[in-house]
N, C-alpha and C. Protein backbone atom coordinates (compact mmCIF):
# COMPACT_ATOMS: atom_id res chain seq x y z
N MET A 1 0.85 -1.18 0.00
CA MET A 1 0.00 0.00 0.00
C MET A 1 0.89 1.24 0.00
N VAL A 2 0.64 2.15 -0.90
CA VAL A 2 1.41 3.38 -1.03
C VAL A 2 0.82 4.45 -0.11
N PHE A 3 1.72 5.15 0.58
CA PHE A 3 1.27 6.23 1.46
C PHE A 3 0.92 7.47 0.63
N ASN A 4 -0.27 8.01 0.86
CA ASN A 4 -0.70 9.26 0.25
C ASN A 4 -1.09 10.22 1.36
N PRO A 5 -0.34 11.31 1.53
CA PRO A 5 -0.67 12.26 2.59
C PRO A 5 -2.07 12.85 2.40
N HIS A 6 -2.75 13.08 3.50
CA HIS A 6 -4.06 13.73 3.46
C HIS A 6 -3.83 15.20 3.07
N PRO A 7 -4.67 15.77 2.22
CA PRO A 7 -4.46 17.16 1.79
C PRO A 7 -4.48 18.18 2.94
N GLN A 8 -5.12 17.86 4.04
CA GLN A 8 -5.19 18.79 5.16
C GLN A 8 -4.30 18.36 6.33
N ALA A 9 -3.41 17.40 6.11
CA ALA A 9 -2.60 16.84 7.20
C ALA A 9 -1.76 17.90 7.91
N GLU A 10 -1.06 18.73 7.16
CA GLU A 10 -0.20 19.73 7.80
C GLU A 10 -1.01 20.72 8.63
N GLY A 11 -2.15 21.13 8.13
CA GLY A 11 -3.02 22.03 8.88
C GLY A 11 -3.55 21.37 10.14
N ARG A 12 -3.89 20.10 10.05
CA ARG A 12 -4.36 19.36 11.22
C ARG A 12 -3.27 19.28 12.29
N ARG A 13 -2.04 18.99 11.85
CA ARG A 13 -0.93 18.92 12.81
C ARG A 13 -0.65 20.28 13.43
N ARG A 14 -0.61 21.32 12.61
CA ARG A 14 -0.36 22.67 13.13
C ARG A 14 -1.41 23.08 14.15
N SER A 15 -2.66 22.77 13.86
CA SER A 15 -3.76 23.11 14.76
C SER A 15 -3.57 22.43 16.12
N ALA A 16 -3.28 21.13 16.10
CA ALA A 16 -3.10 20.39 17.34
C ALA A 16 -1.90 20.90 18.12
N VAL A 17 -0.80 21.17 17.43
CA VAL A 17 0.40 21.68 18.11
C VAL A 17 0.13 23.05 18.72
N THR A 18 -0.58 23.90 18.00
CA THR A 18 -0.92 25.23 18.52
C THR A 18 -1.76 25.12 19.78
N LEU A 19 -2.72 24.22 19.78
CA LEU A 19 -3.56 24.03 20.96
C LEU A 19 -2.77 23.48 22.14
N ILE A 20 -1.86 22.54 21.87
CA ILE A 20 -1.02 22.01 22.95
C ILE A 20 -0.17 23.12 23.56
N LYS A 21 0.44 23.93 22.72
CA LYS A 21 1.26 25.04 23.22
C LYS A 21 0.43 25.99 24.05
N SER A 22 -0.77 26.26 23.60
CA SER A 22 -1.67 27.15 24.34
C SER A 22 -2.02 26.58 25.71
N LEU A 23 -2.32 25.30 25.75
CA LEU A 23 -2.64 24.64 27.02
C LEU A 23 -1.47 24.69 27.99
N LEU A 24 -0.26 24.49 27.47
CA LEU A 24 0.92 24.50 28.32
C LEU A 24 1.30 25.90 28.79
N ALA A 25 1.02 26.90 27.96
CA ALA A 25 1.41 28.28 28.28
C ALA A 25 0.45 28.98 29.23
N ASN A 26 -0.82 28.64 29.16
CA ASN A 26 -1.84 29.34 29.95
C ASN A 26 -2.10 28.61 31.25
N LYS A 27 -1.28 28.91 32.24
CA LYS A 27 -1.45 28.31 33.56
C LYS A 27 -2.49 29.11 34.34
N GLN A 28 -3.69 28.61 34.38
CA GLN A 28 -4.76 29.29 35.09
C GLN A 28 -5.16 28.43 36.28
N PRO A 29 -5.31 29.04 37.44
CA PRO A 29 -5.62 28.24 38.64
C PRO A 29 -6.95 27.49 38.55
N GLU A 30 -7.88 27.95 37.73
CA GLU A 30 -9.19 27.29 37.62
C GLU A 30 -9.13 26.03 36.78
N VAL A 31 -8.06 25.85 36.03
CA VAL A 31 -7.95 24.70 35.13
C VAL A 31 -7.20 23.58 35.84
N LEU A 32 -7.87 22.45 35.94
CA LEU A 32 -7.27 21.30 36.61
C LEU A 32 -6.19 20.66 35.74
N PRO A 33 -5.04 20.30 36.34
CA PRO A 33 -3.97 19.66 35.57
C PRO A 33 -4.43 18.38 34.87
N ASP A 34 -5.34 17.63 35.48
CA ASP A 34 -5.84 16.41 34.83
C ASP A 34 -6.59 16.73 33.54
N HIS A 35 -7.31 17.85 33.53
CA HIS A 35 -8.02 18.24 32.30
C HIS A 35 -7.04 18.62 31.20
N VAL A 36 -5.99 19.35 31.58
CA VAL A 36 -4.97 19.73 30.60
C VAL A 36 -4.32 18.46 30.03
N SER A 37 -3.97 17.54 30.90
CA SER A 37 -3.35 16.29 30.47
C SER A 37 -4.26 15.50 29.54
N ASP A 38 -5.54 15.41 29.87
CA ASP A 38 -6.50 14.70 29.02
C ASP A 38 -6.59 15.33 27.64
N LEU A 39 -6.66 16.64 27.60
CA LEU A 39 -6.76 17.33 26.31
C LEU A 39 -5.50 17.16 25.48
N ILE A 40 -4.34 17.24 26.13
CA ILE A 40 -3.08 17.04 25.40
C ILE A 40 -3.01 15.62 24.85
N ASP A 41 -3.47 14.65 25.60
CA ASP A 41 -3.49 13.27 25.13
C ASP A 41 -4.33 13.13 23.86
N VAL A 42 -5.50 13.74 23.84
CA VAL A 42 -6.36 13.71 22.66
C VAL A 42 -5.67 14.41 21.48
N LEU A 43 -5.06 15.55 21.73
CA LEU A 43 -4.41 16.29 20.66
C LEU A 43 -3.20 15.54 20.09
N LEU A 44 -2.47 14.82 20.94
CA LEU A 44 -1.36 14.01 20.43
C LEU A 44 -1.86 12.91 19.50
N TRP A 45 -3.00 12.31 19.84
CA TRP A 45 -3.60 11.32 18.94
C TRP A 45 -4.00 11.99 17.63
N ARG A 46 -4.52 13.20 17.69
CA ARG A 46 -4.92 13.90 16.45
C ARG A 46 -3.71 14.12 15.54
N ILE A 47 -2.55 14.37 16.16
CA ILE A 47 -1.33 14.54 15.36
C ILE A 47 -1.00 13.24 14.64
N THR A 48 -1.08 12.11 15.35
CA THR A 48 -0.74 10.83 14.73
C THR A 48 -1.76 10.42 13.68
N GLU A 49 -2.97 10.97 13.75
CA GLU A 49 -4.02 10.64 12.80
C GLU A 49 -4.23 11.73 11.75
N ALA A 50 -3.28 12.64 11.59
CA ALA A 50 -3.44 13.76 10.66
C ALA A 50 -3.68 13.30 9.22
N ASP A 51 -3.08 12.18 8.85
CA ASP A 51 -3.27 11.65 7.50
C ASP A 51 -4.39 10.64 7.43
N GLY A 52 -5.05 10.39 8.55
CA GLY A 52 -6.11 9.41 8.63
C GLY A 52 -5.75 8.33 9.64
N LYS A 53 -6.73 7.66 10.13
CA LYS A 53 -6.49 6.66 11.17
C LYS A 53 -5.67 5.47 10.67
N TYR A 54 -5.87 5.07 9.44
CA TYR A 54 -5.18 3.89 8.91
C TYR A 54 -4.20 4.22 7.79
N ASN A 55 -4.23 5.43 7.30
CA ASN A 55 -3.32 5.87 6.25
C ASN A 55 -2.06 6.44 6.92
N THR A 56 -1.19 5.55 7.39
CA THR A 56 0.00 5.99 8.10
C THR A 56 1.24 5.83 7.23
N ARG A 57 2.18 6.73 7.42
CA ARG A 57 3.42 6.72 6.64
C ARG A 57 4.28 5.50 6.97
N TYR A 58 4.35 5.15 8.25
CA TYR A 58 5.22 4.07 8.69
C TYR A 58 4.40 2.87 9.15
N LYS A 59 4.83 1.70 8.70
CA LYS A 59 4.15 0.46 9.07
C LYS A 59 5.22 -0.58 9.37
N SER A 60 4.95 -1.42 10.35
CA SER A 60 5.89 -2.49 10.67
C SER A 60 5.82 -3.56 9.58
N SER A 61 6.85 -4.39 9.51
CA SER A 61 6.83 -5.47 8.53
C SER A 61 5.67 -6.42 8.82
N GLY A 62 5.35 -6.62 10.10
CA GLY A 62 4.22 -7.47 10.46
C GLY A 62 2.91 -6.92 9.93
N ALA A 63 2.75 -5.61 10.01
CA ALA A 63 1.52 -4.99 9.49
C ALA A 63 1.45 -5.12 7.98
N LEU A 64 2.57 -4.97 7.31
CA LEU A 64 2.59 -5.08 5.85
C LEU A 64 2.29 -6.50 5.39
N GLU A 65 2.64 -7.48 6.20
CA GLU A 65 2.43 -8.88 5.85
C GLU A 65 1.08 -9.43 6.32
N CYS A 66 0.33 -8.65 7.07
CA CYS A 66 -0.94 -9.10 7.64
C CYS A 66 -1.97 -9.31 6.54
N ALA A 67 -2.55 -10.50 6.51
CA ALA A 67 -3.54 -10.83 5.48
C ALA A 67 -4.92 -10.27 5.81
N ASN A 68 -5.18 -10.02 7.09
CA ASN A 68 -6.49 -9.56 7.52
C ASN A 68 -6.36 -8.16 8.14
N ASN A 69 -6.69 -7.12 7.38
CA ASN A 69 -6.54 -5.75 7.87
C ASN A 69 -7.38 -5.44 9.09
N SER A 70 -8.42 -6.22 9.35
CA SER A 70 -9.25 -5.95 10.53
C SER A 70 -8.49 -6.25 11.83
N GLN A 71 -7.36 -6.93 11.73
CA GLN A 71 -6.54 -7.23 12.90
C GLN A 71 -5.56 -6.10 13.22
N LEU A 72 -5.43 -5.15 12.34
CA LEU A 72 -4.47 -4.06 12.53
C LEU A 72 -5.06 -2.97 13.43
N ARG A 73 -4.19 -2.35 14.20
CA ARG A 73 -4.58 -1.25 15.09
C ARG A 73 -3.67 -0.06 14.86
N HIS A 74 -4.23 1.13 15.01
CA HIS A 74 -3.43 2.35 14.91
C HIS A 74 -2.69 2.54 16.22
N GLU A 75 -1.39 2.66 16.14
CA GLU A 75 -0.57 2.92 17.32
C GLU A 75 0.31 4.11 17.03
N HIS A 76 0.77 4.73 18.08
CA HIS A 76 1.75 5.78 17.89
C HIS A 76 2.91 5.54 18.84
N VAL A 77 4.06 6.10 18.49
CA VAL A 77 5.27 5.89 19.28
C VAL A 77 5.71 7.22 19.84
């Protein structure tokens, strides 16, 4: 399978990175650290999924050899 970048991938990544920076920079006492952490976790996943959930640039040899795509999972490192 050939990797084809999503046309909006760079914008999606920039948006998520901008939001992460904003969350880290704006230390407000009313905002719970757990909420900040949860939001950053979601935004990091958005970065890994910028090209789509299954359209990833890098794949392990095991994933490339898998006969049943329903067994594959999106992971990030």
